[in-house]
């Protein structure tokens, strides 16, 4: 936990979250709702990523790229 990165759902980017870790698990919560749960990694400098978070990020990126701007004539 202290030197590793753990993923969260990308829809929570920019929000303040709480990280709760014990000897086995790292949990990330936002407003008391669990956003992510990971098995704690004891190696150093790892990126622990949930495949669901990766898929959600891909959807968010696609949605962002396909947004259309509406120009109103005045």
PDB file of N, CA and C in Angstrom:
ATOM      1  N   UNK A   1       0.811  -1.186   0.000  1.00  0.00           N
ATOM      2  CA  UNK A   1       0.000   0.000   0.000  1.00  0.00           C
ATOM      3  C   UNK A   1       0.855   1.251   0.000  1.00  0.00           C
ATOM      4  N   UNK A   2       1.872   1.325   0.811  1.00  0.00           N
ATOM      5  CA  UNK A   2       2.622   2.562   0.960  1.00  0.00           C
ATOM      6  C   UNK A   2       3.476   2.892  -0.248  1.00  0.00           C
ATOM      7  N   UNK A   3       3.779   1.911  -1.078  1.00  0.00           N
ATOM      8  CA  UNK A   3       4.561   2.216  -2.268  1.00  0.00           C
ATOM      9  C   UNK A   3       3.893   1.693  -3.528  1.00  0.00           C
ATOM     10  N   UNK A   4       2.692   1.178  -3.431  1.00  0.00           N
ATOM     11  CA  UNK A   4       1.980   0.639  -4.578  1.00  0.00           C
ATOM     12  C   UNK A   4       0.819   1.539  -4.964  1.00  0.00           C
ATOM     13  N   UNK A   5       0.395   1.413  -6.212  1.00  0.00           N
ATOM     14  CA  UNK A   5      -0.767   2.138  -6.713  1.00  0.00           C
ATOM     15  C   UNK A   5      -1.891   1.137  -6.916  1.00  0.00           C
ATOM     16  N   UNK A   6      -3.084   1.476  -6.455  1.00  0.00           N
ATOM     17  CA  UNK A   6      -4.255   0.620  -6.587  1.00  0.00           C
ATOM     18  C   UNK A   6      -5.316   1.376  -7.379  1.00  0.00           C
ATOM     19  N   UNK A   7      -5.948   0.682  -8.330  1.00  0.00           N
ATOM     20  CA  UNK A   7      -6.927   1.346  -9.183  1.00  0.00           C
ATOM     21  C   UNK A   7      -8.251   1.572  -8.461  1.00  0.00           C
ATOM     22  N   UNK A   8      -8.956   2.581  -8.943  1.00  0.00           N
ATOM     23  CA  UNK A   8     -10.338   2.840  -8.528  1.00  0.00           C
ATOM     24  C   UNK A   8     -11.148   3.069  -9.797  1.00  0.00           C
ATOM     25  N   UNK A   9     -12.453   3.001  -9.674  1.00  0.00           N
ATOM     26  CA  UNK A   9     -13.302   3.275 -10.824  1.00  0.00           C
ATOM     27  C   UNK A   9     -12.988   4.686 -11.320  1.00  0.00           C
ATOM     28  N   UNK A  10     -12.698   4.852 -12.612  1.00  0.00           N
ATOM     29  CA  UNK A  10     -12.293   6.167 -13.115  1.00  0.00           C
ATOM     30  C   UNK A  10     -13.365   7.239 -13.019  1.00  0.00           C
ATOM     31  N   UNK A  11     -14.603   6.859 -12.790  1.00  0.00           N
ATOM     32  CA  UNK A  11     -15.639   7.883 -12.607  1.00  0.00           C
ATOM     33  C   UNK A  11     -15.451   8.639 -11.293  1.00  0.00           C
ATOM     34  N   UNK A  12     -14.534   8.168 -10.452  1.00  0.00           N
ATOM     35  CA  UNK A  12     -14.252   8.832  -9.185  1.00  0.00           C
ATOM     36  C   UNK A  12     -13.031   9.746  -9.262  1.00  0.00           C
ATOM     37  N   UNK A  13     -12.508   9.966 -10.449  1.00  0.00           N
ATOM     38  CA  UNK A  13     -11.373  10.873 -10.610  1.00  0.00           C
ATOM     39  C   UNK A  13     -11.767  12.256 -10.112  1.00  0.00           C
ATOM     40  N   UNK A  14     -10.907  12.841  -9.314  1.00  0.00           N
ATOM     41  CA  UNK A  14     -11.149  14.174  -8.789  1.00  0.00           C
ATOM     42  C   UNK A  14     -11.935  14.215  -7.494  1.00  0.00           C
ATOM     43  N   UNK A  15     -12.405  13.087  -7.042  1.00  0.00           N
ATOM     44  CA  UNK A  15     -13.149  13.037  -5.780  1.00  0.00           C
ATOM     45  C   UNK A  15     -12.219  12.609  -4.649  1.00  0.00           C
ATOM     46  N   UNK A  16     -12.551  13.021  -3.462  1.00  0.00           N
ATOM     47  CA  UNK A  16     -11.788  12.611  -2.293  1.00  0.00           C
ATOM     48  C   UNK A  16     -12.281  11.239  -1.866  1.00  0.00           C
ATOM     49  N   UNK A  17     -11.342  10.312  -1.707  1.00  0.00           N
ATOM     50  CA  UNK A  17     -11.688   8.945  -1.298  1.00  0.00           C
ATOM     51  C   UNK A  17     -10.936   8.605  -0.019  1.00  0.00           C
ATOM     52  N   UNK A  18     -11.434   7.602   0.661  1.00  0.00           N
ATOM     53  CA  UNK A  18     -10.760   7.077   1.845  1.00  0.00           C
ATOM     54  C   UNK A  18     -10.159   5.730   1.484  1.00  0.00           C
ATOM     55  N   UNK A  19      -8.945   5.491   1.943  1.00  0.00           N
ATOM     56  CA  UNK A  19      -8.275   4.215   1.721  1.00  0.00           C
ATOM     57  C   UNK A  19      -8.159   3.517   3.066  1.00  0.00           C
ATOM     58  N   UNK A  20      -8.679   2.296   3.115  1.00  0.00           N
ATOM     59  CA  UNK A  20      -8.638   1.494   4.338  1.00  0.00           C
ATOM     60  C   UNK A  20      -7.853   0.237   4.008  1.00  0.00           C
ATOM     61  N   UNK A  21      -6.788  -0.003   4.726  1.00  0.00           N
ATOM     62  CA  UNK A  21      -5.950  -1.172   4.439  1.00  0.00           C
ATOM     63  C   UNK A  21      -5.746  -1.979   5.713  1.00  0.00           C
ATOM     64  N   UNK A  22      -5.796  -3.293   5.554  1.00  0.00           N
ATOM     65  CA  UNK A  22      -5.389  -4.187   6.626  1.00  0.00           C
ATOM     66  C   UNK A  22      -4.289  -5.087   6.052  1.00  0.00           C
ATOM     67  N   UNK A  23      -3.968  -6.145   6.718  1.00  0.00           N
ATOM     68  CA  UNK A  23      -2.867  -6.988   6.265  1.00  0.00           C
ATOM     69  C   UNK A  23      -3.174  -7.720   4.956  1.00  0.00           C
ATOM     70  N   UNK A  24      -4.440  -7.864   4.608  1.00  0.00           N
ATOM     71  CA  UNK A  24      -4.814  -8.645   3.431  1.00  0.00           C
ATOM     72  C   UNK A  24      -5.468  -7.846   2.316  1.00  0.00           C
ATOM     73  N   UNK A  25      -6.114  -6.745   2.656  1.00  0.00           N
ATOM     74  CA  UNK A  25      -6.987  -6.072   1.698  1.00  0.00           C
ATOM     75  C   UNK A  25      -6.787  -4.562   1.729  1.00  0.00           C
ATOM     76  N   UNK A  26      -6.940  -3.952   0.551  1.00  0.00           N
ATOM     77  CA  UNK A  26      -6.988  -2.495   0.426  1.00  0.00           C
ATOM     78  C   UNK A  26      -8.367  -2.159  -0.124  1.00  0.00           C
ATOM     79  N   UNK A  27      -9.095  -1.302   0.579  1.00  0.00           N
ATOM     80  CA  UNK A  27     -10.427  -0.883   0.160  1.00  0.00           C
ATOM     81  C   UNK A  27     -10.419   0.633  -0.047  1.00  0.00           C
ATOM     82  N   UNK A  28     -11.096   1.046  -1.083  1.00  0.00           N
ATOM     83  CA  UNK A  28     -11.235   2.469  -1.367  1.00  0.00           C
ATOM     84  C   UNK A  28     -12.717   2.795  -1.285  1.00  0.00           C
ATOM     85  N   UNK A  29     -13.057   3.806  -0.485  1.00  0.00           N
ATOM     86  CA  UNK A  29     -14.451   4.201  -0.327  1.00  0.00           C
ATOM     87  C   UNK A  29     -14.630   5.674  -0.663  1.00  0.00           C
ATOM     88  N   UNK A  30     -15.843   5.997  -1.044  1.00  0.00           N
ATOM     89  CA  UNK A  30     -16.242   7.389  -1.254  1.00  0.00           C
ATOM     90  C   UNK A  30     -17.616   7.544  -0.625  1.00  0.00           C
ATOM     91  N   UNK A  31     -17.712   8.432   0.334  1.00  0.00           N
ATOM     92  CA  UNK A  31     -18.953   8.654   1.080  1.00  0.00           C
ATOM     93  C   UNK A  31     -19.504   7.335   1.616  1.00  0.00           C
ATOM     94  N   UNK A  32     -18.625   6.545   2.198  1.00  0.00           N
ATOM     95  CA  UNK A  32     -18.926   5.274   2.864  1.00  0.00           C
ATOM     96  C   UNK A  32     -19.378   4.158   1.921  1.00  0.00           C
ATOM     97  N   UNK A  33     -19.252   4.360   0.623  1.00  0.00           N
ATOM     98  CA  UNK A  33     -19.573   3.318  -0.353  1.00  0.00           C
ATOM     99  C   UNK A  33     -18.262   2.770  -0.906  1.00  0.00           C
ATOM    100  N   UNK A  34     -18.109   1.448  -0.889  1.00  0.00           N
ATOM    101  CA  UNK A  34     -16.866   0.833  -1.378  1.00  0.00           C
ATOM    102  C   UNK A  34     -16.790   0.989  -2.890  1.00  0.00           C
ATOM    103  N   UNK A  35     -15.699   1.573  -3.345  1.00  0.00           N
ATOM    104  CA  UNK A  35     -15.456   1.806  -4.760  1.00  0.00           C
ATOM    105  C   UNK A  35     -14.517   0.763  -5.341  1.00  0.00           C
ATOM    106  N   UNK A  36     -13.578   0.290  -4.536  1.00  0.00           N
ATOM    107  CA  UNK A  36     -12.600  -0.694  -5.018  1.00  0.00           C
ATOM    108  C   UNK A  36     -12.123  -1.547  -3.854  1.00  0.00           C
ATOM    109  N   UNK A  37     -11.868  -2.796  -4.163  1.00  0.00           N
ATOM    110  CA  UNK A  37     -11.286  -3.713  -3.192  1.00  0.00           C
ATOM    111  C   UNK A  37     -10.190  -4.487  -3.902  1.00  0.00           C
ATOM    112  N   UNK A  38      -9.005  -4.487  -3.310  1.00  0.00           N
ATOM    113  CA  UNK A  38      -7.862  -5.189  -3.893  1.00  0.00           C
ATOM    114  C   UNK A  38      -7.195  -6.055  -2.828  1.00  0.00           C
ATOM    115  N   UNK A  39      -6.639  -7.163  -3.276  1.00  0.00           N
ATOM    116  CA  UNK A  39      -5.772  -7.940  -2.399  1.00  0.00           C
ATOM    117  C   UNK A  39      -4.507  -7.114  -2.217  1.00  0.00           C
ATOM    118  N   UNK A  40      -4.094  -6.956  -0.983  1.00  0.00           N
ATOM    119  CA  UNK A  40      -2.931  -6.127  -0.710  1.00  0.00           C
ATOM    120  C   UNK A  40      -1.670  -6.773  -1.262  1.00  0.00           C
ATOM    121  N   UNK A  41      -0.878  -5.985  -1.956  1.00  0.00           N
ATOM    122  CA  UNK A  41       0.389  -6.457  -2.532  1.00  0.00           C
ATOM    123  C   UNK A  41       1.527  -6.021  -1.618  1.00  0.00           C
ATOM    124  N   UNK A  42       2.401  -6.951  -1.304  1.00  0.00           N
ATOM    125  CA  UNK A  42       3.500  -6.651  -0.400  1.00  0.00           C
ATOM    126  C   UNK A  42       4.803  -6.343  -1.124  1.00  0.00           C
ATOM    127  N   UNK A  43       4.819  -6.471  -2.428  1.00  0.00           N
ATOM    128  CA  UNK A  43       5.994  -6.058  -3.194  1.00  0.00           C
ATOM    129  C   UNK A  43       6.006  -4.525  -3.256  1.00  0.00           C
ATOM    130  N   UNK A  44       7.071  -3.982  -3.795  1.00  0.00           N
ATOM    131  CA  UNK A  44       7.210  -2.529  -3.859  1.00  0.00           C
ATOM    132  C   UNK A  44       6.958  -2.023  -5.277  1.00  0.00           C
ATOM    133  N   UNK A  45       6.370  -0.845  -5.384  1.00  0.00           N
ATOM    134  CA  UNK A  45       6.217  -0.092  -6.631  1.00  0.00           C
ATOM    135  C   UNK A  45       5.424  -0.837  -7.696  1.00  0.00           C
ATOM    136  N   UNK A  46       4.327  -1.465  -7.298  1.00  0.00           N
ATOM    137  CA  UNK A  46       3.447  -2.144  -8.241  1.00  0.00           C
ATOM    138  C   UNK A  46       2.253  -1.257  -8.584  1.00  0.00           C
ATOM    139  N   UNK A  47       1.678  -1.492  -9.738  1.00  0.00           N
ATOM    140  CA  UNK A  47       0.392  -0.901 -10.094  1.00  0.00           C
ATOM    141  C   UNK A  47      -0.615  -2.050 -10.087  1.00  0.00           C
ATOM    142  N   UNK A  48      -1.510  -2.049  -9.121  1.00  0.00           N
ATOM    143  CA  UNK A  48      -2.513  -3.107  -8.976  1.00  0.00           C
ATOM    144  C   UNK A  48      -3.790  -2.585  -9.617  1.00  0.00           C
ATOM    145  N   UNK A  49      -4.199  -3.234 -10.701  1.00  0.00           N
ATOM    146  CA  UNK A  49      -5.298  -2.719 -11.504  1.00  0.00           C
ATOM    147  C   UNK A  49      -6.403  -3.754 -11.629  1.00  0.00           C
ATOM    148  N   UNK A  50      -7.623  -3.326 -11.387  1.00  0.00           N
ATOM    149  CA  UNK A  50      -8.796  -4.170 -11.571  1.00  0.00           C
ATOM    150  C   UNK A  50      -9.207  -4.085 -13.047  1.00  0.00           C
ATOM    151  N   UNK A  51      -9.360  -5.209 -13.740  1.00  0.00           N
ATOM    152  CA  UNK A  51      -9.766  -5.172 -15.154  1.00  0.00           C
ATOM    153  C   UNK A  51     -11.094  -4.443 -15.383  1.00  0.00           C
ATOM    154  N   UNK A  52     -11.970  -4.464 -14.410  1.00  0.00           N
ATOM    155  CA  UNK A  52     -13.238  -3.730 -14.533  1.00  0.00           C
ATOM    156  C   UNK A  52     -12.970  -2.227 -14.612  1.00  0.00           C
ATOM    157  N   UNK A  53     -11.997  -1.747 -13.866  1.00  0.00           N
ATOM    158  CA  UNK A  53     -11.657  -0.321 -13.908  1.00  0.00           C
ATOM    159  C   UNK A  53     -11.064   0.050 -15.260  1.00  0.00           C
ATOM    160  N   UNK A  54     -10.263  -0.826 -15.835  1.00  0.00           N
ATOM    161  CA  UNK A  54      -9.681  -0.583 -17.162  1.00  0.00           C
ATOM    162  C   UNK A  54     -10.790  -0.503 -18.206  1.00  0.00           C
ATOM    163  N   UNK A  55     -11.731  -1.423 -18.144  1.00  0.00           N
ATOM    164  CA  UNK A  55     -12.847  -1.419 -19.101  1.00  0.00           C
ATOM    165  C   UNK A  55     -13.702  -0.165 -18.944  1.00  0.00           C
ATOM    166  N   UNK A  56     -13.954   0.238 -17.714  1.00  0.00           N
ATOM    167  CA  UNK A  56     -14.753   1.447 -17.455  1.00  0.00           C
ATOM    168  C   UNK A  56     -14.036   2.685 -18.002  1.00  0.00           C
ATOM    169  N   UNK A  57     -12.713   2.735 -17.857  1.00  0.00           N
ATOM    170  CA  UNK A  57     -11.935   3.863 -18.392  1.00  0.00           C
ATOM    171  C   UNK A  57     -12.045   3.916 -19.914  1.00  0.00           C
ATOM    172  N   UNK A  58     -12.026   2.757 -20.564  1.00  0.00           N
ATOM    173  CA  UNK A  58     -12.161   2.722 -22.026  1.00  0.00           C
ATOM    174  C   UNK A  58     -13.510   3.282 -22.457  1.00  0.00           C
ATOM    175  N   UNK A  59     -14.568   2.935 -21.744  1.00  0.00           N
ATOM    176  CA  UNK A  59     -15.905   3.448 -22.058  1.00  0.00           C
ATOM    177  C   UNK A  59     -15.955   4.962 -21.863  1.00  0.00           C
ATOM    178  N   UNK A  60     -15.388   5.436 -20.775  1.00  0.00           N
ATOM    179  CA  UNK A  60     -15.390   6.882 -20.505  1.00  0.00           C
ATOM    180  C   UNK A  60     -14.609   7.630 -21.578  1.00  0.00           C
ATOM    181  N   UNK A  61     -13.451   7.079 -21.989  1.00  0.00           N
ATOM    182  CA  UNK A  61     -12.664   7.719 -23.050  1.00  0.00           C
ATOM    183  C   UNK A  61     -13.445   7.764 -24.358  1.00  0.00           C
ATOM    184  N   UNK A  62     -14.099   6.661 -24.709  1.00  0.00           N
ATOM    185  CA  UNK A  62     -14.877   6.620 -25.944  1.00  0.00           C
ATOM    186  C   UNK A  62     -16.023   7.621 -25.895  1.00  0.00           C
ATOM    187  N   UNK A  63     -16.715   7.685 -24.780  1.00  0.00           N
ATOM    188  CA  UNK A  63     -17.804   8.656 -24.629  1.00  0.00           C
ATOM    189  C   UNK A  63     -17.286  10.081 -24.788  1.00  0.00           C
ATOM    190  N   UNK A  64     -16.124  10.355 -24.211  1.00  0.00           N
ATOM    191  CA  UNK A  64     -15.547  11.699 -24.295  1.00  0.00           C
ATOM    192  C   UNK A  64     -15.209  12.045 -25.748  1.00  0.00           C
ATOM    193  N   UNK A  65     -14.621  11.084 -26.462  1.00  0.00           N
ATOM    194  CA  UNK A  65     -14.218  11.336 -27.856  1.00  0.00           C
ATOM    195  C   UNK A  65     -15.411  11.505 -28.789  1.00  0.00           C
ATOM    196  N   UNK A  66     -16.518  10.890 -28.466  1.00  0.00           N
ATOM    197  CA  UNK A  66     -17.663  10.929 -29.376  1.00  0.00           C
ATOM    198  C   UNK A  66     -18.691  11.989 -29.003  1.00  0.00           C
ATOM    199  N   UNK A  67     -18.385  12.805 -28.012  1.00  0.00           N
ATOM    200  CA  UNK A  67     -19.308  13.881 -27.662  1.00  0.00           C
ATOM    201  C   UNK A  67     -19.388  14.866 -28.818  1.00  0.00           C
ATOM    202  N   UNK A  68     -20.554  15.366 -29.041  1.00  0.00           N
ATOM    203  CA  UNK A  68     -20.759  16.341 -30.110  1.00  0.00           C
ATOM    204  C   UNK A  68     -21.009  17.712 -29.491  1.00  0.00           C
ATOM    205  N   UNK A  69     -20.430  18.701 -30.102  1.00  0.00           N
ATOM    206  CA  UNK A  69     -20.688  20.068 -29.682  1.00  0.00           C
ATOM    207  C   UNK A  69     -21.847  20.610 -30.503  1.00  0.00           C
ATOM    208  N   UNK A  70     -22.720  21.294 -29.844  1.00  0.00           N
ATOM    209  CA  UNK A  70     -23.851  21.902 -30.535  1.00  0.00           C
ATOM    210  C   UNK A  70     -23.573  23.399 -30.624  1.00  0.00           C
ATOM    211  N   UNK A  71     -23.558  23.918 -31.848  1.00  0.00           N
ATOM    212  CA  UNK A  71     -23.319  25.337 -32.054  1.00  0.00           C
ATOM    213  C   UNK A  71     -24.657  25.980 -32.357  1.00  0.00           C
ATOM    214  N   UNK A  72     -25.010  26.941 -31.567  1.00  0.00           N
ATOM    215  CA  UNK A  72     -26.260  27.648 -31.759  1.00  0.00           C
ATOM    216  C   UNK A  72     -26.008  28.933 -32.544  1.00  0.00           C
ATOM    217  N   UNK A  73     -26.797  29.143 -33.577  1.00  0.00           N
ATOM    218  CA  UNK A  73     -26.695  30.382 -34.336  1.00  0.00           C
ATOM    219  C   UNK A  73     -27.447  31.470 -33.600  1.00  0.00           C
ATOM    220  N   UNK A  74     -26.836  32.591 -33.463  1.00  0.00           N
ATOM    221  CA  UNK A  74     -27.489  33.699 -32.754  1.00  0.00           C
ATOM    222  C   UNK A  74     -27.941  34.732 -33.719  1.00  0.00           C
TER     223      UNK A  74
END
